[in-house]
């Protein structure tokens, strides 16, 4: 289900039927029968003036993105070669970030690796300009535990993701023939530019082992902070971190929350500046925090 404040909600069922729900009444205001594709994820365009009001990520034969207009007509992207597992609009509704489940460690290593339970799922992320229908940026080996692991800033100038990369030189590793271990991969929290003339450049990055357990990323309403949520205990660092707020683009820690008894599925800033944040945990608890970012972080934690 997807929606924006004051706008209808989009809900898709297993048979591919798309329902548009009125948020004030809960009634179905529009029904789009299922097609030959099966949507995996649906996102509403935040700008109601744009031509396309909905984007659906498809699986089955086409593995494409379908864009729906207000009349119920649709337009498809070329096939992405793998199921679409995440879609994100920018605040202006003109840029679409699409993640397809096609990246793997085999792509990094150049040879089939063994399976490791501790490694996260990797996808390929494409940034599309909807005005020109052109893919302008491709980011490989993006960590995606959920569709909330890709964040476009409200001002439309930045996209934040976590990327996996091999430690050291790839050619040296390939020629060594040695067994792959989890420690051969590190994770980078990266912020990419979406504005000219630096479009596609990495403007900030941070190597962090605990990012492998990242469950969601979100920019603040002002695009000046980044909220990170973690979905499991960070055994490597022996840290019970579940939330962090960092500055943009410096990625300096300004606030964090530790909890030894729970972990977070998703965390979101309130859309109104200064109204705090909410997060949902794996123990089915919903929390509302009025965050005081003026409080300095605990210096004992990185």
Protein backbone atom coordinates (compact mmCIF):
# COMPACT_ATOMS: atom_id res chain seq x y z
CA UNK A 1 0.00 0.00 0.00
CA UNK A 2 1.26 3.47 -0.85
CA UNK A 3 0.05 7.02 -0.38
CA UNK A 4 0.92 10.59 0.54
CA UNK A 5 -0.67 12.91 3.08
CA UNK A 6 -3.97 14.22 1.68
CA UNK A 7 -3.80 11.95 -1.39
CA UNK A 8 -5.55 8.63 -2.08
CA UNK A 9 -3.93 5.32 -1.20
CA UNK A 10 -2.98 2.70 -3.76
CA UNK A 11 -3.46 -0.95 -2.86
CA UNK A 12 -2.63 -3.96 -5.03
CA UNK A 13 -3.88 -7.52 -4.52
CA UNK A 14 -2.28 -10.82 -5.48
CA UNK A 15 -4.25 -11.07 -8.72
CA UNK A 16 -2.81 -7.75 -9.87
CA UNK A 17 -5.96 -5.69 -9.24
CA UNK A 18 -5.14 -2.10 -8.34
CA UNK A 19 -7.48 -0.26 -5.97
CA UNK A 20 -7.39 3.49 -5.29
CA UNK A 21 -8.77 4.23 -1.81
CA UNK A 22 -10.12 7.51 -0.47
CA UNK A 23 -8.15 8.23 2.77
CA UNK A 24 -11.09 10.00 4.45
CA UNK A 25 -13.67 7.24 3.90
CA UNK A 26 -11.65 4.13 3.12
CA UNK A 27 -13.87 3.55 0.09
CA UNK A 28 -12.51 2.37 -3.25
CA UNK A 29 -12.68 5.30 -5.67
CA UNK A 30 -11.09 3.55 -8.66
CA UNK A 31 -10.59 -0.08 -9.61
CA UNK A 32 -8.02 -1.16 -12.23
CA UNK A 33 -8.40 -4.87 -13.11
CA UNK A 34 -5.34 -7.10 -12.97
CA UNK A 35 -3.18 -7.37 -16.05
CA UNK A 36 -0.78 -10.13 -17.11
CA UNK A 37 1.83 -8.71 -14.74
CA UNK A 38 1.79 -9.00 -10.94
CA UNK A 39 2.86 -5.80 -9.13
CA UNK A 40 5.29 -6.29 -6.24
CA UNK A 41 5.39 -2.66 -5.09
CA UNK A 42 3.27 0.43 -5.75
CA UNK A 43 4.13 4.10 -5.20
CA UNK A 44 1.97 7.21 -5.56
CA UNK A 45 3.39 10.23 -7.37
CA UNK A 46 3.65 13.03 -4.75
CA UNK A 47 2.84 15.70 -7.37
CA UNK A 48 -0.83 15.36 -8.50
CA UNK A 49 -0.14 17.64 -11.48
CA UNK A 50 2.22 15.16 -13.10
CA UNK A 51 1.02 13.01 -16.00
CA UNK A 52 1.56 9.72 -14.21
CA UNK A 53 -0.07 9.25 -10.82
CA UNK A 54 1.10 5.72 -9.96
CA UNK A 55 4.16 3.54 -10.51
CA UNK A 56 4.01 -0.25 -10.15
CA UNK A 57 7.00 -2.59 -10.01
CA UNK A 58 6.25 -5.80 -11.87
CA UNK A 59 7.47 -9.37 -11.83
CA UNK A 60 6.66 -12.41 -13.98
CA UNK A 61 7.55 -12.18 -17.68
CA UNK A 62 8.22 -8.48 -18.20
CA UNK A 63 9.94 -7.42 -14.94
CA UNK A 64 9.19 -3.80 -15.80
CA UNK A 65 7.85 -0.61 -14.25
CA UNK A 66 4.31 0.38 -15.22
CA UNK A 67 3.31 4.06 -15.01
CA UNK A 68 -0.45 4.76 -14.71
CA UNK A 69 -2.14 8.05 -15.59
CA UNK A 70 -5.39 9.42 -14.14
CA UNK A 71 -7.46 7.92 -16.97
CA UNK A 72 -6.30 4.39 -16.18
CA UNK A 73 -3.99 4.11 -19.19
CA UNK A 74 -0.46 2.88 -18.65
CA UNK A 75 3.03 2.98 -20.10
CA UNK A 76 5.76 0.42 -19.47
CA UNK A 77 9.49 0.75 -19.11
CA UNK A 78 11.82 -1.66 -20.91
CA UNK A 79 12.35 -4.92 -19.03
CA UNK A 80 14.84 -4.70 -16.19
CA UNK A 81 15.76 -8.37 -16.43
CA UNK A 82 14.75 -9.14 -12.83
CA UNK A 83 11.80 -8.59 -10.47
CA UNK A 84 11.29 -4.97 -9.37
CA UNK A 85 11.49 -4.82 -5.57
CA UNK A 86 11.58 -1.08 -4.77
CA UNK A 87 10.26 2.18 -6.26
CA UNK A 88 10.78 5.73 -4.96
CA UNK A 89 9.64 9.07 -6.38
CA UNK A 90 11.38 12.33 -5.63
CA UNK A 91 9.21 15.03 -4.02
CA UNK A 92 8.56 16.70 -7.38
CA UNK A 93 7.43 13.47 -9.03
CA UNK A 94 9.86 13.77 -11.91
CA UNK A 95 12.55 11.29 -10.85
CA UNK A 96 11.99 7.60 -10.18
CA UNK A 97 14.42 5.27 -8.42
CA UNK A 98 13.85 1.60 -9.32
CA UNK A 99 15.63 -1.38 -7.72
CA UNK A 100 15.69 -4.72 -9.54
CA UNK A 101 16.82 -7.96 -7.88
CA UNK A 102 19.69 -8.78 -10.24
CA UNK A 103 22.95 -7.97 -8.41
CA UNK A 104 24.93 -10.68 -6.66
CA UNK A 105 28.29 -11.43 -5.15
CA UNK A 106 29.05 -13.44 -8.26
CA UNK A 107 28.98 -10.12 -10.16
CA UNK A 108 31.59 -8.72 -7.76
CA UNK A 109 33.84 -11.78 -7.58
CA UNK A 110 33.67 -12.93 -11.17
CA UNK A 111 33.08 -16.53 -10.06
CA UNK A 112 30.29 -18.38 -8.19
CA UNK A 113 30.72 -17.86 -4.41
CA UNK A 114 29.35 -20.09 -1.66
CA UNK A 115 26.21 -19.01 0.16
CA UNK A 116 26.55 -17.10 3.45
CA UNK A 117 23.60 -16.45 5.76
CA UNK A 118 25.17 -13.25 7.07
CA UNK A 119 25.24 -11.46 3.70
CA UNK A 120 22.37 -9.10 2.78
CA UNK A 121 20.38 -9.14 -0.49
CA UNK A 122 21.90 -7.02 -3.29
CA UNK A 123 20.06 -5.25 -6.12
CA UNK A 124 20.74 -2.95 -9.05
CA UNK A 125 19.29 0.56 -8.71
CA UNK A 126 18.34 2.71 -11.71
CA UNK A 127 17.46 6.42 -11.57
CA UNK A 128 14.96 7.42 -14.28
CA UNK A 129 14.04 10.88 -15.56
CA UNK A 130 10.28 10.61 -16.22
CA UNK A 131 10.24 13.69 -18.44
CA UNK A 132 12.65 12.12 -20.93
CA UNK A 133 12.01 8.42 -20.07
CA UNK A 134 15.78 7.99 -19.79
CA UNK A 135 17.80 6.03 -17.22
CA UNK A 136 20.43 8.50 -16.03
CA UNK A 137 22.23 6.52 -13.34
CA UNK A 138 22.80 2.85 -12.47
CA UNK A 139 24.14 1.83 -9.06
CA UNK A 140 25.16 -1.81 -8.63
CA UNK A 141 25.30 -3.98 -5.48
CA UNK A 142 22.85 -1.87 -3.46
CA UNK A 143 21.84 -3.48 -0.15
CA UNK A 144 18.05 -3.80 -0.02
CA UNK A 145 16.40 -5.47 2.96
CA UNK A 146 13.16 -3.57 2.18
CA UNK A 147 11.87 -0.93 -0.22
CA UNK A 148 12.73 1.72 2.42
CA UNK A 149 16.47 1.13 1.92
CA UNK A 150 16.51 3.68 -0.93
CA UNK A 151 15.87 7.33 -0.07
CA UNK A 152 15.48 10.38 -2.33
CA UNK A 153 15.75 13.71 -0.53
CA UNK A 154 12.62 15.91 -0.43
CA UNK A 155 14.46 18.61 -2.39
CA UNK A 156 15.15 16.07 -5.14
CA UNK A 157 18.89 16.72 -5.13
CA UNK A 158 20.20 13.56 -3.42
CA UNK A 159 19.70 9.80 -3.19
CA UNK A 160 21.05 7.72 -0.27
CA UNK A 161 21.78 3.99 -0.42
CA UNK A 162 24.04 1.35 1.11
CA UNK A 163 26.42 -0.35 -1.34
CA UNK A 164 28.45 -3.54 -0.93
CA UNK A 165 31.99 -3.69 -2.26
CA UNK A 166 34.91 -6.09 -2.07
CA UNK A 167 37.79 -5.28 0.27
CA UNK A 168 41.00 -4.70 -1.65
CA UNK A 169 41.73 -5.18 -5.34
CA UNK A 170 39.20 -7.28 -7.31
CA UNK A 171 41.76 -8.68 -9.76
CA UNK A 172 44.04 -9.80 -6.91
CA UNK A 173 41.16 -11.62 -5.23
CA UNK A 174 40.02 -13.30 -8.43
CA UNK A 175 43.51 -14.59 -9.21
CA UNK A 176 44.16 -15.82 -5.65
CA UNK A 177 41.56 -18.58 -5.87
CA UNK A 178 41.09 -18.47 -2.09
CA UNK A 179 37.79 -19.14 -0.37
CA UNK A 180 35.43 -16.20 -0.01
CA UNK A 181 34.47 -15.13 3.53
CA UNK A 182 31.98 -12.54 4.75
CA UNK A 183 34.80 -10.29 5.93
CA UNK A 184 35.83 -9.80 2.29
CA UNK A 185 32.84 -7.48 1.79
CA UNK A 186 32.43 -4.03 3.33
CA UNK A 187 29.42 -1.75 3.17
CA UNK A 188 29.35 1.93 2.29
CA UNK A 189 26.58 4.35 3.11
CA UNK A 190 26.62 6.65 0.08
CA UNK A 191 24.91 9.88 -0.92
CA UNK A 192 24.73 10.52 -4.68
CA UNK A 193 24.02 13.85 -6.37
CA UNK A 194 20.89 14.13 -8.52
CA UNK A 195 21.48 17.70 -9.69
CA UNK A 196 23.62 19.16 -12.43
CA UNK A 197 26.53 19.43 -12.99
CA UNK A 198 27.43 16.72 -10.45
CA UNK A 199 24.62 14.26 -11.31
CA UNK A 200 25.69 10.72 -10.39
CA UNK A 201 28.69 11.76 -8.29
CA UNK A 202 29.19 10.33 -4.79
CA UNK A 203 29.25 13.44 -2.61
CA UNK A 204 29.56 11.57 0.70
CA UNK A 205 30.36 8.01 1.80
CA UNK A 206 31.04 6.14 5.00
CA UNK A 207 32.45 2.64 5.50
CA UNK A 208 30.47 0.88 8.22
CA UNK A 209 30.05 -2.82 8.96
CA UNK A 210 26.78 -2.26 10.78
CA UNK A 211 25.13 -0.85 7.65
CA UNK A 212 24.74 -4.46 6.45
CA UNK A 213 21.77 -4.69 8.85
CA UNK A 214 20.20 -1.43 7.69
CA UNK A 215 16.41 -1.74 7.51
CA UNK A 216 15.46 1.76 6.32
CA UNK A 217 16.91 5.10 5.22
CA UNK A 218 15.06 8.42 5.13
CA UNK A 219 15.91 12.08 4.64
CA UNK A 220 14.45 14.70 6.96
CA UNK A 221 11.85 17.14 5.55
CA UNK A 222 14.60 19.74 5.11
CA UNK A 223 16.99 17.23 3.47
CA UNK A 224 19.59 18.21 6.09
CA UNK A 225 19.56 14.96 8.10
CA UNK A 226 19.45 11.23 7.41
CA UNK A 227 17.53 8.76 9.59
CA UNK A 228 18.96 5.23 9.69
CA UNK A 229 17.13 2.26 11.21
CA UNK A 230 18.75 -1.09 11.99
CA UNK A 231 17.01 -4.45 11.91
CA UNK A 232 19.28 -6.57 14.07
CA UNK A 233 21.94 -6.61 16.76
CA UNK A 234 25.35 -5.47 15.51
CA UNK A 235 27.33 -8.45 16.75
CA UNK A 236 30.55 -7.39 15.00
CA UNK A 237 30.64 -4.10 16.87
CA UNK A 238 28.82 -5.35 19.97
CA UNK A 239 26.37 -2.44 19.67
CA UNK A 240 22.61 -2.51 20.28
CA UNK A 241 22.02 0.42 17.91
CA UNK A 242 18.52 0.68 16.43
CA UNK A 243 18.35 4.31 15.23
CA UNK A 244 20.75 7.01 14.10
CA UNK A 245 20.37 10.56 12.80
CA UNK A 246 23.29 11.93 10.77
CA UNK A 247 23.93 15.23 9.05
CA UNK A 248 23.82 15.65 5.28
CA UNK A 249 26.19 15.60 3.52
CA UNK A 250 28.84 15.23 6.27
CA UNK A 251 27.22 12.07 7.76
CA UNK A 252 28.20 13.18 11.26
CA UNK A 253 26.32 11.48 14.09
CA UNK A 254 24.02 13.89 15.95
CA UNK A 255 21.63 11.49 17.72
CA UNK A 256 21.18 7.77 18.28
CA UNK A 257 19.04 5.28 20.16
CA UNK A 258 20.19 1.90 21.51
CA UNK A 259 17.93 -0.96 22.57
CA UNK A 260 19.22 -4.40 23.59
CA UNK A 261 15.77 -6.01 23.45
CA UNK A 262 14.40 -5.04 20.03
CA UNK A 263 15.23 -3.98 16.46
CA UNK A 264 13.52 -1.73 13.91
CA UNK A 265 11.63 -2.62 10.73
CA UNK A 266 11.15 0.94 9.51
CA UNK A 267 11.60 4.50 10.80
CA UNK A 268 10.24 7.76 9.37
CA UNK A 269 10.59 11.45 10.06
CA UNK A 270 7.32 13.32 10.56
CA UNK A 271 6.68 15.26 7.30
CA UNK A 272 6.33 18.49 9.31
CA UNK A 273 9.69 19.96 10.39
CA UNK A 274 10.37 19.65 14.11
CA UNK A 275 7.63 17.10 14.84
CA UNK A 276 10.01 14.19 15.52
CA UNK A 277 9.91 10.68 14.13
CA UNK A 278 8.17 7.32 14.37
CA UNK A 279 9.48 3.76 14.21
CA UNK A 280 8.07 0.25 14.22
CA UNK A 281 9.91 -2.68 15.82
CA UNK A 282 10.02 -6.40 15.17
CA UNK A 283 8.20 -6.96 18.45
CA UNK A 284 5.17 -5.21 16.90
CA UNK A 285 5.63 -1.98 18.84
CA UNK A 286 4.98 1.48 17.40
CA UNK A 287 6.92 4.40 18.89
CA UNK A 288 6.60 8.18 18.46
CA UNK A 289 9.62 10.29 19.40
CA UNK A 290 9.92 14.04 19.64
CA UNK A 291 13.63 13.97 18.81
CA UNK A 292 15.89 16.58 20.39
CA UNK A 293 18.78 16.77 17.94
CA UNK A 294 20.51 19.37 20.12
CA UNK A 295 21.51 16.60 22.55
CA UNK A 296 25.09 15.50 21.77
CA UNK A 297 25.66 11.81 20.92
CA UNK A 298 27.24 9.36 23.30
CA UNK A 299 31.00 9.61 22.59
CA UNK A 300 31.48 5.94 23.50
CA UNK A 301 29.65 4.88 20.32
CA UNK A 302 30.90 5.45 16.78
